Amino acid sequence: MPKRRDQIKMSDEEIWKLIEERKSLQVATIGADGAPHLTTLWFAIVDGEIAFETFTKSQKIVNLKRDPRIAVLVEDGIAYNELRGVAINGRAELHDDPRSCCRSRARWSGAISPRCPRSTSRRPQR
């Protein structure tokens, strides 16, 4: 008898379709006391990577400078039988070069802003 997990597992194509059609990303970092710090941000796919942009002095960036471990979740569904999601654990790469930040922001919003750094997580590997 097949395991339930195997029955609902998404293919790589389904995973990327879900990621590409969503706008919000739940981002968890580790606070100084070891407690999770969870926020929701808009994100974009930039050169095959998940990227988000936030203020340099935000708590999530302070946390990532101290400890780059990050967990993100993209989810969808209203009713229980529609729920689906992709969780990614990894290490954030912080970028504070305004040209890099502006390029990624211009791709998703049409606006240019020097707010940095942005964090990226590579495509999930299976």
PDB file of N, CA and C in Angstrom:
ATOM      1  N   MET A   1       0.844  -1.188   0.000  1.00  0.00           N
ATOM      2  CA  MET A   1       0.000   0.000   0.000  1.00  0.00           C
ATOM      3  C   MET A   1       0.888   1.250   0.000  1.00  0.00           C
ATOM      4  N   PRO A   2       0.687   2.160  -0.972  1.00  0.00           N
ATOM      5  CA  PRO A   2       1.534   3.347  -1.053  1.00  0.00           C
ATOM      6  C   PRO A   2       1.323   4.269   0.151  1.00  0.00           C
ATOM      7  N   LYS A   3       2.412   4.927   0.552  1.00  0.00           N
ATOM      8  CA  LYS A   3       2.340   5.886   1.648  1.00  0.00           C
ATOM      9  C   LYS A   3       1.595   7.132   1.180  1.00  0.00           C
ATOM     10  N   ARG A   4       0.862   7.737   2.082  1.00  0.00           N
ATOM     11  CA  ARG A   4       0.101   8.955   1.764  1.00  0.00           C
ATOM     12  C   ARG A   4       1.031  10.049   1.210  1.00  0.00           C
ATOM     13  N   ARG A   5       2.221  10.189   1.822  1.00  0.00           N
ATOM     14  CA  ARG A   5       3.176  11.205   1.372  1.00  0.00           C
ATOM     15  C   ARG A   5       3.525  11.019  -0.099  1.00  0.00           C
ATOM     16  N   ASP A   6       3.723   9.772  -0.518  1.00  0.00           N
ATOM     17  CA  ASP A   6       4.063   9.494  -1.912  1.00  0.00           C
ATOM     18  C   ASP A   6       2.900   9.816  -2.849  1.00  0.00           C
ATOM     19  N   GLN A   7       1.677   9.698  -2.348  1.00  0.00           N
ATOM     20  CA  GLN A   7       0.498   9.974  -3.164  1.00  0.00           C
ATOM     21  C   GLN A   7       0.296  11.465  -3.418  1.00  0.00           C
ATOM     22  N   ILE A   8       0.754  12.292  -2.505  1.00  0.00           N
ATOM     23  CA  ILE A   8       0.522  13.744  -2.652  1.00  0.00           C
ATOM     24  C   ILE A   8       1.779  14.526  -3.024  1.00  0.00           C
ATOM     25  N   LYS A   9       2.896  13.836  -3.167  1.00  0.00           N
ATOM     26  CA  LYS A   9       4.171  14.477  -3.494  1.00  0.00           C
ATOM     27  C   LYS A   9       4.082  15.177  -4.853  1.00  0.00           C
ATOM     28  N   MET A  10       4.563  16.413  -4.910  1.00  0.00           N
ATOM     29  CA  MET A  10       4.553  17.176  -6.161  1.00  0.00           C
ATOM     30  C   MET A  10       5.813  16.882  -6.974  1.00  0.00           C
ATOM     31  N   SER A  11       5.678  16.926  -8.286  1.00  0.00           N
ATOM     32  CA  SER A  11       6.828  16.788  -9.178  1.00  0.00           C
ATOM     33  C   SER A  11       7.608  18.104  -9.166  1.00  0.00           C
ATOM     34  N   ASP A  12       8.828  18.087  -9.703  1.00  0.00           N
ATOM     35  CA  ASP A  12       9.614  19.318  -9.806  1.00  0.00           C
ATOM     36  C   ASP A  12       8.839  20.392 -10.576  1.00  0.00           C
ATOM     37  N   GLU A  13       8.164  19.989 -11.648  1.00  0.00           N
ATOM     38  CA  GLU A  13       7.404  20.945 -12.452  1.00  0.00           C
ATOM     39  C   GLU A  13       6.260  21.550 -11.627  1.00  0.00           C
ATOM     40  N   GLU A  14       5.575  20.725 -10.848  1.00  0.00           N
ATOM     41  CA  GLU A  14       4.482  21.220 -10.006  1.00  0.00           C
ATOM     42  C   GLU A  14       5.008  22.158  -8.918  1.00  0.00           C
ATOM     43  N   ILE A  15       6.169  21.819  -8.363  1.00  0.00           N
ATOM     44  CA  ILE A  15       6.781  22.676  -7.336  1.00  0.00           C
ATOM     45  C   ILE A  15       7.057  24.053  -7.916  1.00  0.00           C
ATOM     46  N   TRP A  16       7.717  24.108  -9.092  1.00  0.00           N
ATOM     47  CA  TRP A  16       8.072  25.405  -9.658  1.00  0.00           C
ATOM     48  C   TRP A  16       6.849  26.158 -10.175  1.00  0.00           C
ATOM     49  N   LYS A  17       5.840  25.451 -10.609  1.00  0.00           N
ATOM     50  CA  LYS A  17       4.605  26.122 -11.018  1.00  0.00           C
ATOM     51  C   LYS A  17       3.975  26.812  -9.808  1.00  0.00           C
ATOM     52  N   LEU A  18       3.918  26.122  -8.674  1.00  0.00           N
ATOM     53  CA  LEU A  18       3.377  26.728  -7.458  1.00  0.00           C
ATOM     54  C   LEU A  18       4.203  27.941  -7.040  1.00  0.00           C
ATOM     55  N   ILE A  19       5.520  27.792  -7.010  1.00  0.00           N
ATOM     56  CA  ILE A  19       6.383  28.911  -6.603  1.00  0.00           C
ATOM     57  C   ILE A  19       6.192  30.099  -7.533  1.00  0.00           C
ATOM     58  N   GLU A  20       6.158  29.852  -8.824  1.00  0.00           N
ATOM     59  CA  GLU A  20       6.066  30.945  -9.794  1.00  0.00           C
ATOM     60  C   GLU A  20       4.707  31.635  -9.790  1.00  0.00           C
ATOM     61  N   GLU A  21       3.642  30.961  -9.355  1.00  0.00           N
ATOM     62  CA  GLU A  21       2.323  31.591  -9.377  1.00  0.00           C
ATOM     63  C   GLU A  21       1.980  32.298  -8.063  1.00  0.00           C
ATOM     64  N   ARG A  22       2.780  32.125  -7.039  1.00  0.00           N
ATOM     65  CA  ARG A  22       2.524  32.762  -5.753  1.00  0.00           C
ATOM     66  C   ARG A  22       3.318  34.061  -5.635  1.00  0.00           C
ATOM     67  N   LYS A  23       2.937  34.899  -4.688  1.00  0.00           N
ATOM     68  CA  LYS A  23       3.591  36.178  -4.489  1.00  0.00           C
ATOM     69  C   LYS A  23       4.209  36.302  -3.096  1.00  0.00           C
ATOM     70  N   SER A  24       3.613  35.610  -2.119  1.00  0.00           N
ATOM     71  CA  SER A  24       4.057  35.736  -0.733  1.00  0.00           C
ATOM     72  C   SER A  24       4.904  34.539  -0.318  1.00  0.00           C
ATOM     73  N   LEU A  25       5.915  34.816   0.494  1.00  0.00           N
ATOM     74  CA  LEU A  25       6.848  33.826   0.989  1.00  0.00           C
ATOM     75  C   LEU A  25       6.930  33.984   2.502  1.00  0.00           C
ATOM     76  N   GLN A  26       6.698  32.917   3.234  1.00  0.00           N
ATOM     77  CA  GLN A  26       6.894  32.969   4.679  1.00  0.00           C
ATOM     78  C   GLN A  26       8.354  32.650   4.938  1.00  0.00           C
ATOM     79  N   VAL A  27       9.008  33.532   5.700  1.00  0.00           N
ATOM     80  CA  VAL A  27      10.445  33.465   5.917  1.00  0.00           C
ATOM     81  C   VAL A  27      10.719  33.315   7.405  1.00  0.00           C
ATOM     82  N   ALA A  28      11.460  32.269   7.770  1.00  0.00           N
ATOM     83  CA  ALA A  28      11.835  32.059   9.165  1.00  0.00           C
ATOM     84  C   ALA A  28      13.345  32.176   9.309  1.00  0.00           C
ATOM     85  N   THR A  29      13.760  33.004  10.260  1.00  0.00           N
ATOM     86  CA  THR A  29      15.161  33.135  10.627  1.00  0.00           C
ATOM     87  C   THR A  29      15.275  32.805  12.111  1.00  0.00           C
ATOM     88  N   ILE A  30      16.503  32.793  12.613  1.00  0.00           N
ATOM     89  CA  ILE A  30      16.730  32.424  14.011  1.00  0.00           C
ATOM     90  C   ILE A  30      17.143  33.663  14.789  1.00  0.00           C
ATOM     91  N   GLY A  31      16.360  33.997  15.807  1.00  0.00           N
ATOM     92  CA  GLY A  31      16.664  35.153  16.646  1.00  0.00           C
ATOM     93  C   GLY A  31      17.855  34.902  17.557  1.00  0.00           C
ATOM     94  N   ALA A  32      18.341  35.971  18.197  1.00  0.00           N
ATOM     95  CA  ALA A  32      19.512  35.877  19.077  1.00  0.00           C
ATOM     96  C   ALA A  32      19.292  34.895  20.225  1.00  0.00           C
ATOM     97  N   ASP A  33      18.048  34.758  20.673  1.00  0.00           N
ATOM     98  CA  ASP A  33      17.736  33.843  21.779  1.00  0.00           C
ATOM     99  C   ASP A  33      17.433  32.429  21.291  1.00  0.00           C
ATOM    100  N   GLY A  34      17.565  32.178  19.973  1.00  0.00           N
ATOM    101  CA  GLY A  34      17.312  30.864  19.408  1.00  0.00           C
ATOM    102  C   GLY A  34      15.878  30.635  18.965  1.00  0.00           C
ATOM    103  N   ALA A  35      14.996  31.590  19.261  1.00  0.00           N
ATOM    104  CA  ALA A  35      13.593  31.458  18.863  1.00  0.00           C
ATOM    105  C   ALA A  35      13.422  31.786  17.387  1.00  0.00           C
ATOM    106  N   PRO A  36      12.483  31.132  16.703  1.00  0.00           N
ATOM    107  CA  PRO A  36      12.243  31.471  15.301  1.00  0.00           C
ATOM    108  C   PRO A  36      11.648  32.870  15.174  1.00  0.00           C
ATOM    109  N   HIS A  37      12.030  33.551  14.118  1.00  0.00           N
ATOM    110  CA  HIS A  37      11.452  34.856  13.764  1.00  0.00           C
ATOM    111  C   HIS A  37      10.788  34.643  12.411  1.00  0.00           C
ATOM    112  N   LEU A  38       9.466  34.732  12.368  1.00  0.00           N
ATOM    113  CA  LEU A  38       8.711  34.395  11.166  1.00  0.00           C
ATOM    114  C   LEU A  38       8.031  35.637  10.607  1.00  0.00           C
ATOM    115  N   THR A  39       8.221  35.870   9.310  1.00  0.00           N
ATOM    116  CA  THR A  39       7.597  37.000   8.623  1.00  0.00           C
ATOM    117  C   THR A  39       7.106  36.543   7.259  1.00  0.00           C
ATOM    118  N   THR A  40       6.311  37.375   6.627  1.00  0.00           N
ATOM    119  CA  THR A  40       5.854  37.121   5.264  1.00  0.00           C
ATOM    120  C   THR A  40       6.330  38.265   4.385  1.00  0.00           C
ATOM    121  N   LEU A  41       6.899  37.922   3.241  1.00  0.00           N
ATOM    122  CA  LEU A  41       7.426  38.903   2.295  1.00  0.00           C
ATOM    123  C   LEU A  41       6.975  38.551   0.885  1.00  0.00           C
ATOM    124  N   TRP A  42       6.923  39.552   0.030  1.00  0.00           N
ATOM    125  CA  TRP A  42       6.787  39.275  -1.392  1.00  0.00           C
ATOM    126  C   TRP A  42       8.135  38.807  -1.895  1.00  0.00           C
ATOM    127  N   PHE A  43       8.122  38.006  -2.947  1.00  0.00           N
ATOM    128  CA  PHE A  43       9.366  37.488  -3.493  1.00  0.00           C
ATOM    129  C   PHE A  43       9.281  37.428  -5.000  1.00  0.00           C
ATOM    130  N   ALA A  44      10.406  37.141  -5.609  1.00  0.00           N
ATOM    131  CA  ALA A  44      10.480  36.971  -7.061  1.00  0.00           C
ATOM    132  C   ALA A  44      11.483  35.864  -7.367  1.00  0.00           C
ATOM    133  N   ILE A  45      11.395  35.345  -8.569  1.00  0.00           N
ATOM    134  CA  ILE A  45      12.396  34.407  -9.068  1.00  0.00           C
ATOM    135  C   ILE A  45      13.352  35.239  -9.915  1.00  0.00           C
ATOM    136  N   VAL A  46      14.620  35.245  -9.542  1.00  0.00           N
ATOM    137  CA  VAL A  46      15.640  36.018 -10.257  1.00  0.00           C
ATOM    138  C   VAL A  46      16.762  35.051 -10.630  1.00  0.00           C
ATOM    139  N   ASP A  47      16.964  34.869 -11.918  1.00  0.00           N
ATOM    140  CA  ASP A  47      18.007  33.958 -12.408  1.00  0.00           C
ATOM    141  C   ASP A  47      17.901  32.575 -11.774  1.00  0.00           C
ATOM    142  N   GLY A  48      16.671  32.058 -11.657  1.00  0.00           N
ATOM    143  CA  GLY A  48      16.457  30.725 -11.122  1.00  0.00           C
ATOM    144  C   GLY A  48      16.559  30.608  -9.613  1.00  0.00           C
ATOM    145  N   GLU A  49      16.612  31.731  -8.923  1.00  0.00           N
ATOM    146  CA  GLU A  49      16.701  31.739  -7.470  1.00  0.00           C
ATOM    147  C   GLU A  49      15.522  32.485  -6.875  1.00  0.00           C
ATOM    148  N   ILE A  50      15.135  32.102  -5.667  1.00  0.00           N
ATOM    149  CA  ILE A  50      14.104  32.839  -4.941  1.00  0.00           C
ATOM    150  C   ILE A  50      14.786  34.029  -4.293  1.00  0.00           C
ATOM    151  N   ALA A  51      14.263  35.221  -4.551  1.00  0.00           N
ATOM    152  CA  ALA A  51      14.871  36.447  -4.022  1.00  0.00           C
ATOM    153  C   ALA A  51      13.805  37.290  -3.350  1.00  0.00           C
ATOM    154  N   PHE A  52      14.186  37.922  -2.247  1.00  0.00           N
ATOM    155  CA  PHE A  52      13.320  38.909  -1.623  1.00  0.00           C
ATOM    156  C   PHE A  52      14.170  40.075  -1.181  1.00  0.00           C
ATOM    157  N   GLU A  53      13.514  41.182  -0.951  1.00  0.00           N
ATOM    158  CA  GLU A  53      14.192  42.428  -0.625  1.00  0.00           C
ATOM    159  C   GLU A  53      13.568  43.000   0.631  1.00  0.00           C
ATOM    160  N   THR A  54      14.396  43.515   1.505  1.00  0.00           N
ATOM    161  CA  THR A  54      13.885  44.092   2.741  1.00  0.00           C
ATOM    162  C   THR A  54      14.869  45.137   3.244  1.00  0.00           C
ATOM    163  N   PHE A  55      14.494  45.827   4.295  1.00  0.00           N
ATOM    164  CA  PHE A  55      15.351  46.859   4.857  1.00  0.00           C
ATOM    165  C   PHE A  55      16.578  46.242   5.532  1.00  0.00           C
ATOM    166  N   THR A  56      17.728  46.873   5.372  1.00  0.00           N
ATOM    167  CA  THR A  56      18.986  46.389   5.924  1.00  0.00           C
ATOM    168  C   THR A  56      18.923  46.211   7.436  1.00  0.00           C
ATOM    169  N   LYS A  57      18.190  47.073   8.112  1.00  0.00           N
ATOM    170  CA  LYS A  57      18.139  47.012   9.574  1.00  0.00           C
ATOM    171  C   LYS A  57      16.975  46.184  10.101  1.00  0.00           C
ATOM    172  N   SER A  58      16.251  45.492   9.217  1.00  0.00           N
ATOM    173  CA  SER A  58      15.126  44.668   9.667  1.00  0.00           C
ATOM    174  C   SER A  58      15.634  43.514  10.535  1.00  0.00           C
ATOM    175  N   GLN A  59      14.770  43.018  11.395  1.00  0.00           N
ATOM    176  CA  GLN A  59      15.166  41.934  12.291  1.00  0.00           C
ATOM    177  C   GLN A  59      15.613  40.699  11.527  1.00  0.00           C
ATOM    178  N   LYS A  60      14.950  40.392  10.413  1.00  0.00           N
ATOM    179  CA  LYS A  60      15.335  39.194   9.658  1.00  0.00           C
ATOM    180  C   LYS A  60      16.747  39.317   9.110  1.00  0.00           C
ATOM    181  N   ILE A  61      17.151  40.506   8.683  1.00  0.00           N
ATOM    182  CA  ILE A  61      18.513  40.690   8.165  1.00  0.00           C
ATOM    183  C   ILE A  61      19.524  40.652   9.301  1.00  0.00           C
ATOM    184  N   VAL A  62      19.200  41.275  10.431  1.00  0.00           N
ATOM    185  CA  VAL A  62      20.071  41.190  11.606  1.00  0.00           C
ATOM    186  C   VAL A  62      20.300  39.714  11.956  1.00  0.00           C
ATOM    187  N   ASN A  63      19.210  38.942  11.958  1.00  0.00           N
ATOM    188  CA  ASN A  63      19.314  37.509  12.260  1.00  0.00           C
ATOM    189  C   ASN A  63      20.173  36.778  11.232  1.00  0.00           C
ATOM    190  N   LEU A  64      19.966  37.061   9.948  1.00  0.00           N
ATOM    191  CA  LEU A  64      20.699  36.357   8.892  1.00  0.00           C
ATOM    192  C   LEU A  64      22.180  36.725   8.872  1.00  0.00           C
ATOM    193  N   LYS A  65      22.516  37.937   9.268  1.00  0.00           N
ATOM    194  CA  LYS A  65      23.934  38.311   9.357  1.00  0.00           C
ATOM    195  C   LYS A  65      24.621  37.497  10.455  1.00  0.00           C
ATOM    196  N   ARG A  66      23.904  37.235  11.519  1.00  0.00           N
ATOM    197  CA  ARG A  66      24.453  36.470  12.640  1.00  0.00           C
ATOM    198  C   ARG A  66      24.452  34.961  12.329  1.00  0.00           C
ATOM    199  N   ASP A  67      23.391  34.493  11.676  1.00  0.00           N
ATOM    200  CA  ASP A  67      23.219  33.066  11.385  1.00  0.00           C
ATOM    201  C   ASP A  67      22.458  32.962  10.067  1.00  0.00           C
ATOM    202  N   PRO A  68      23.114  32.559   8.984  1.00  0.00           N
ATOM    203  CA  PRO A  68      22.475  32.586   7.656  1.00  0.00           C
ATOM    204  C   PRO A  68      21.446  31.483   7.401  1.00  0.00           C
ATOM    205  N   ARG A  69      21.202  30.617   8.376  1.00  0.00           N
ATOM    206  CA  ARG A  69      20.204  29.558   8.158  1.00  0.00           C
ATOM    207  C   ARG A  69      18.817  30.177   8.016  1.00  0.00           C
ATOM    208  N   ILE A  70      18.069  29.656   7.045  1.00  0.00           N
ATOM    209  CA  ILE A  70      16.766  30.207   6.708  1.00  0.00           C
ATOM    210  C   ILE A  70      15.829  29.073   6.311  1.00  0.00           C
ATOM    211  N   ALA A  71      14.567  29.248   6.615  1.00  0.00           N
ATOM    212  CA  ALA A  71      13.527  28.337   6.133  1.00  0.00           C
ATOM    213  C   ALA A  71      12.453  29.203   5.493  1.00  0.00           C
ATOM    214  N   VAL A  72      11.972  28.786   4.328  1.00  0.00           N
ATOM    215  CA  VAL A  72      10.913  29.537   3.655  1.00  0.00           C
ATOM    216  C   VAL A  72       9.795  28.573   3.272  1.00  0.00           C
ATOM    217  N   LEU A  73       8.599  29.126   3.168  1.00  0.00           N
ATOM    218  CA  LEU A  73       7.428  28.330   2.809  1.00  0.00           C
ATOM    219  C   LEU A  73       6.583  29.104   1.811  1.00  0.00           C
ATOM    220  N   VAL A  74       6.243  28.448   0.723  1.00  0.00           N
ATOM    221  CA  VAL A  74       5.275  28.946  -0.243  1.00  0.00           C
ATOM    222  C   VAL A  74       4.078  28.019  -0.124  1.00  0.00           C
ATOM    223  N   GLU A  75       2.895  28.571   0.110  1.00  0.00           N
ATOM    224  CA  GLU A  75       1.729  27.714   0.304  1.00  0.00           C
ATOM    225  C   GLU A  75       0.523  28.263  -0.438  1.00  0.00           C
ATOM    226  N   ASP A  76      -0.458  27.386  -0.597  1.00  0.00           N
ATOM    227  CA  ASP A  76      -1.672  27.755  -1.296  1.00  0.00           C
ATOM    228  C   ASP A  76      -2.791  26.830  -0.836  1.00  0.00           C
ATOM    229  N   GLY A  77      -4.016  27.289  -0.994  1.00  0.00           N
ATOM    230  CA  GLY A  77      -5.184  26.478  -0.688  1.00  0.00           C
ATOM    231  C   GLY A  77      -6.042  27.109   0.389  1.00  0.00           C
ATOM    232  N   ILE A  78      -7.343  26.992   0.208  1.00  0.00           N
ATOM    233  CA  ILE A  78      -8.305  27.514   1.182  1.00  0.00           C
ATOM    234  C   ILE A  78      -8.919  26.353   1.957  1.00  0.00           C
ATOM    235  N   ALA A  79      -9.432  25.373   1.250  1.00  0.00           N
ATOM    236  CA  ALA A  79     -10.022  24.186   1.882  1.00  0.00           C
ATOM    237  C   ALA A  79      -8.927  23.148   2.134  1.00  0.00           C
ATOM    238  N   TYR A  80      -9.141  22.281   3.111  1.00  0.00           N
ATOM    239  CA  TYR A  80      -8.141  21.287   3.490  1.00  0.00           C
ATOM    240  C   TYR A  80      -7.668  20.458   2.298  1.00  0.00           C
ATOM    241  N   ASN A  81      -8.590  20.023   1.460  1.00  0.00           N
ATOM    242  CA  ASN A  81      -8.206  19.165   0.335  1.00  0.00           C
ATOM    243  C   ASN A  81      -7.474  19.930  -0.770  1.00  0.00           C
ATOM    244  N   GLU A  82      -7.365  21.256  -0.653  1.00  0.00           N
ATOM    245  CA  GLU A  82      -6.642  22.068  -1.634  1.00  0.00           C
ATOM    246  C   GLU A  82      -5.254  22.462  -1.146  1.00  0.00           C
ATOM    247  N   LEU A  83      -4.943  22.212   0.130  1.00  0.00           N
ATOM    248  CA  LEU A  83      -3.678  22.668   0.699  1.00  0.00           C
ATOM    249  C   LEU A  83      -2.492  22.047  -0.019  1.00  0.00           C
ATOM    250  N   ARG A  84      -1.519  22.884  -0.301  1.00  0.00           N
ATOM    251  CA  ARG A  84      -0.262  22.427  -0.886  1.00  0.00           C
ATOM    252  C   ARG A  84       0.803  23.448  -0.526  1.00  0.00           C
ATOM    253  N   GLY A  85       2.034  23.029  -0.476  1.00  0.00           N
ATOM    254  CA  GLY A  85       3.095  23.947  -0.107  1.00  0.00           C
ATOM    255  C   GLY A  85       4.458  23.375  -0.432  1.00  0.00           C
ATOM    256  N   VAL A  86       5.429  24.283  -0.455  1.00  0.00           N
ATOM    257  CA  VAL A  86       6.820  23.924  -0.676  1.00  0.00           C
ATOM    258  C   VAL A  86       7.634  24.578   0.422  1.00  0.00           C
ATOM    259  N   ALA A  87       8.324  23.765   1.209  1.00  0.00           N
ATOM    260  CA  ALA A  87       9.208  24.264   2.260  1.00  0.00           C
ATOM    261  C   ALA A  87      10.648  24.081   1.800  1.00  0.00           C
ATOM    262  N   ILE A  88      11.452  25.110   1.988  1.00  0.00           N
ATOM    263  CA  ILE A  88      12.853  25.078   1.581  1.00  0.00           C
ATOM    264  C   ILE A  88      13.699  25.516   2.770  1.00  0.00           C
ATOM    265  N   ASN A  89      14.680  24.709   3.133  1.00  0.00           N
ATOM    266  CA  ASN A  89      15.650  25.060   4.165  1.00  0.00           C
ATOM    267  C   ASN A  89      16.982  25.308   3.485  1.00  0.00           C
ATOM    268  N   GLY A  90      17.717  26.302   3.961  1.00  0.00           N
ATOM    269  CA  GLY A  90      19.008  26.570   3.352  1.00  0.00           C
ATOM    270  C   GLY A  90      19.761  27.655   4.080  1.00  0.00           C
ATOM    271  N   ARG A  91      20.680  28.265   3.376  1.00  0.00           N
ATOM    272  CA  ARG A  91      21.476  29.376   3.894  1.00  0.00           C
ATOM    273  C   ARG A  91      21.263  30.562   2.966  1.00  0.00           C
ATOM    274  N   ALA A  92      20.983  31.694   3.565  1.00  0.00           N
ATOM    275  CA  ALA A  92      20.727  32.909   2.785  1.00  0.00           C
ATOM    276  C   ALA A  92      22.038  33.517   2.316  1.00  0.00           C
ATOM    277  N   GLU A  93      21.991  34.121   1.146  1.00  0.00           N
ATOM    278  CA  GLU A  93      23.087  34.938   0.639  1.00  0.00           C
ATOM    279  C   GLU A  93      22.588  36.371   0.683  1.00  0.00           C
ATOM    280  N   LEU A  94      23.271  37.225   1.425  1.00  0.00           N
ATOM    281  CA  LEU A  94      22.869  38.621   1.522  1.00  0.00           C
ATOM    282  C   LEU A  94      23.648  39.440   0.511  1.00  0.00           C
ATOM    283  N   HIS A  95      22.947  40.319  -0.187  1.00  0.00           N
ATOM    284  CA  HIS A  95      23.555  41.183  -1.197  1.00  0.00           C
ATOM    285  C   HIS A  95      23.240  42.624  -0.836  1.00  0.00           C
ATOM    286  N   ASP A  96      24.269  43.454  -0.769  1.00  0.00           N
ATOM    287  CA  ASP A  96      24.006  44.862  -0.481  1.00  0.00           C
ATOM    288  C   ASP A  96      24.476  45.781  -1.601  1.00  0.00           C
ATOM    289  N   ASP A  97      24.775  45.210  -2.757  1.00  0.00           N
ATOM    290  CA  ASP A  97      25.137  46.001  -3.924  1.00  0.00           C
ATOM    291  C   ASP A  97      23.853  46.570  -4.535  1.00  0.00           C
ATOM    292  N   PRO A  98      23.675  47.889  -4.533  1.00  0.00           N
ATOM    293  CA  PRO A  98      22.432  48.473  -5.068  1.00  0.00           C
ATOM    294  C   PRO A  98      22.120  48.040  -6.499  1.00  0.00           C
ATOM    295  N   ARG A  99      23.140  47.802  -7.321  1.00  0.00           N
ATOM    296  CA  ARG A  99      22.868  47.390  -8.706  1.00  0.00           C
ATOM    297  C   ARG A  99      22.205  46.024  -8.742  1.00  0.00           C
ATOM    298  N   SER A 100      22.650  45.122  -7.898  1.00  0.00           N
ATOM    299  CA  SER A 100      22.056  43.785  -7.825  1.00  0.00           C
ATOM    300  C   SER A 100      20.633  43.874  -7.298  1.00  0.00           C
ATOM    301  N   CYS A 101      20.437  44.653  -6.258  1.00  0.00           N
ATOM    302  CA  CYS A 101      19.112  44.799  -5.660  1.00  0.00           C
ATOM    303  C   CYS A 101      18.149  45.484  -6.620  1.00  0.00           C
ATOM    304  N   CYS A 102      18.609  46.522  -7.236  1.00  0.00           N
ATOM    305  CA  CYS A 102      17.737  47.256  -8.155  1.00  0.00           C
ATOM    306  C   CYS A 102      17.333  46.386  -9.335  1.00  0.00           C
ATOM    307  N   ARG A 103      18.243  45.586  -9.849  1.00  0.00           N
ATOM    308  CA  ARG A 103      17.941  44.712 -10.980  1.00  0.00           C
ATOM    309  C   ARG A 103      16.843  43.727 -10.601  1.00  0.00           C
ATOM    310  N   SER A 104      16.952  43.132  -9.417  1.00  0.00           N
ATOM    311  CA  SER A 104      15.938  42.145  -9.036  1.00  0.00           C
ATOM    312  C   SER A 104      14.601  42.815  -8.791  1.00  0.00           C
ATOM    313  N   ARG A 105      14.594  43.967  -8.158  1.00  0.00           N
ATOM    314  CA  ARG A 105      13.340  44.666  -7.880  1.00  0.00           C
ATOM    315  C   ARG A 105      12.687  45.127  -9.177  1.00  0.00           C
ATOM    316  N   ALA A 106      13.470  45.588 -10.120  1.00  0.00           N
ATOM    317  CA  ALA A 106      12.912  46.053 -11.387  1.00  0.00           C
ATOM    318  C   ALA A 106      12.212  44.907 -12.117  1.00  0.00           C
ATOM    319  N   ARG A 107      12.713  43.709 -11.993  1.00  0.00           N
ATOM    320  CA  ARG A 107      12.103  42.567 -12.664  1.00  0.00           C
ATOM    321  C   ARG A 107      10.714  42.254 -12.142  1.00  0.00           C
ATOM    322  N   TRP A 108      10.480  42.454 -10.838  1.00  0.00           N
ATOM    323  CA  TRP A 108       9.187  42.011 -10.327  1.00  0.00           C
ATOM    324  C   TRP A 108       8.184  43.125 -10.165  1.00  0.00           C
ATOM    325  N   SER A 109       8.621  44.385 -10.055  1.00  0.00           N
ATOM    326  CA  SER A 109       7.651  45.433  -9.783  1.00  0.00           C
ATOM    327  C   SER A 109       7.680  46.585 -10.775  1.00  0.00           C
ATOM    328  N   GLY A 110       8.687  46.626 -11.589  1.00  0.00           N
ATOM    329  CA  GLY A 110       8.811  47.746 -12.506  1.00  0.00           C
ATOM    330  C   GLY A 110       9.405  48.976 -11.836  1.00  0.00           C
ATOM    331  N   ALA A 111       9.674  48.891 -10.543  1.00  0.00           N
ATOM    332  CA  ALA A 111      10.232  50.030  -9.806  1.00  0.00           C
ATOM    333  C   ALA A 111      11.695  49.753  -9.482  1.00  0.00           C
ATOM    334  N   ILE A 112      12.427  50.806  -9.217  1.00  0.00           N
ATOM    335  CA  ILE A 112      13.820  50.649  -8.824  1.00  0.00           C
ATOM    336  C   ILE A 112      13.985  51.276  -7.452  1.00  0.00           C
ATOM    337  N   SER A 113      14.596  50.522  -6.543  1.00  0.00           N
ATOM    338  CA  SER A 113      14.793  50.984  -5.178  1.00  0.00           C
ATOM    339  C   SER A 113      16.128  50.474  -4.671  1.00  0.00           C
ATOM    340  N   PRO A 114      16.874  51.292  -3.948  1.00  0.00           N
ATOM    341  CA  PRO A 114      18.166  50.834  -3.428  1.00  0.00           C
ATOM    342  C   PRO A 114      18.058  50.075  -2.112  1.00  0.00           C
ATOM    343  N   ARG A 115      16.844  49.750  -1.636  1.00  0.00           N
ATOM    344  CA  ARG A 115      16.718  49.020  -0.374  1.00  0.00           C
ATOM    345  C   ARG A 115      17.369  47.650  -0.496  1.00  0.00           C
ATOM    346  N   CYS A 116      18.284  47.358   0.376  1.00  0.00           N
ATOM    347  CA  CYS A 116      19.009  46.101   0.351  1.00  0.00           C
ATOM    348  C   CYS A 116      19.291  45.698   1.780  1.00  0.00           C
ATOM    349  N   PRO A 117      19.783  44.525   2.062  1.00  0.00           N
ATOM    350  CA  PRO A 117      20.147  43.488   1.118  1.00  0.00           C
ATOM    351  C   PRO A 117      18.964  42.642   0.708  1.00  0.00           C
ATOM    352  N   ARG A 118      19.175  41.809  -0.279  1.00  0.00           N
ATOM    353  CA  ARG A 118      18.170  40.833  -0.653  1.00  0.00           C
ATOM    354  C   ARG A 118      18.734  39.481  -0.286  1.00  0.00           C
ATOM    355  N   SER A 119      17.884  38.522  -0.119  1.00  0.00           N
ATOM    356  CA  SER A 119      18.330  37.183   0.221  1.00  0.00           C
ATOM    357  C   SER A 119      17.910  36.246  -0.887  1.00  0.00           C
ATOM    358  N   THR A 120      18.731  35.264  -1.182  1.00  0.00           N
ATOM    359  CA  THR A 120      18.361  34.310  -2.218  1.00  0.00           C
ATOM    360  C   THR A 120      18.481  32.892  -1.692  1.00  0.00           C
ATOM    361  N   SER A 121      17.631  32.050  -2.182  1.00  0.00           N
ATOM    362  CA  SER A 121      17.716  30.620  -1.945  1.00  0.00           C
ATOM    363  C   SER A 121      17.662  29.960  -3.310  1.00  0.00           C
ATOM    364  N   ARG A 122      18.526  29.037  -3.571  1.00  0.00           N
ATOM    365  CA  ARG A 122      18.554  28.365  -4.872  1.00  0.00           C
ATOM    366  C   ARG A 122      17.351  27.451  -5.037  1.00  0.00           C
ATOM    367  N   ARG A 123      17.056  27.123  -6.315  1.00  0.00           N
ATOM    368  CA  ARG A 123      15.965  26.184  -6.596  1.00  0.00           C
ATOM    369  C   ARG A 123      16.109  24.957  -5.712  1.00  0.00           C
ATOM    370  N   PRO A 124      15.000  24.475  -5.191  1.00  0.00           N
ATOM    371  CA  PRO A 124      15.084  23.296  -4.337  1.00  0.00           C
ATOM    372  C   PRO A 124      15.629  22.106  -5.111  1.00  0.00           C
ATOM    373  N   GLN A 125      16.532  21.366  -4.480  1.00  0.00           N
ATOM    374  CA  GLN A 125      17.093  20.164  -5.086  1.00  0.00           C
ATOM    375  C   GLN A 125      16.338  18.963  -4.547  1.00  0.00           C
ATOM    376  N   ARG A 126      16.094  17.982  -5.383  1.00  0.00           N
ATOM    377  CA  ARG A 126      15.388  16.767  -4.947  1.00  0.00           C
ATOM    378  C   ARG A 126      16.323  15.613  -4.970  1.00  0.00           C
TER     379      ARG A 126
END
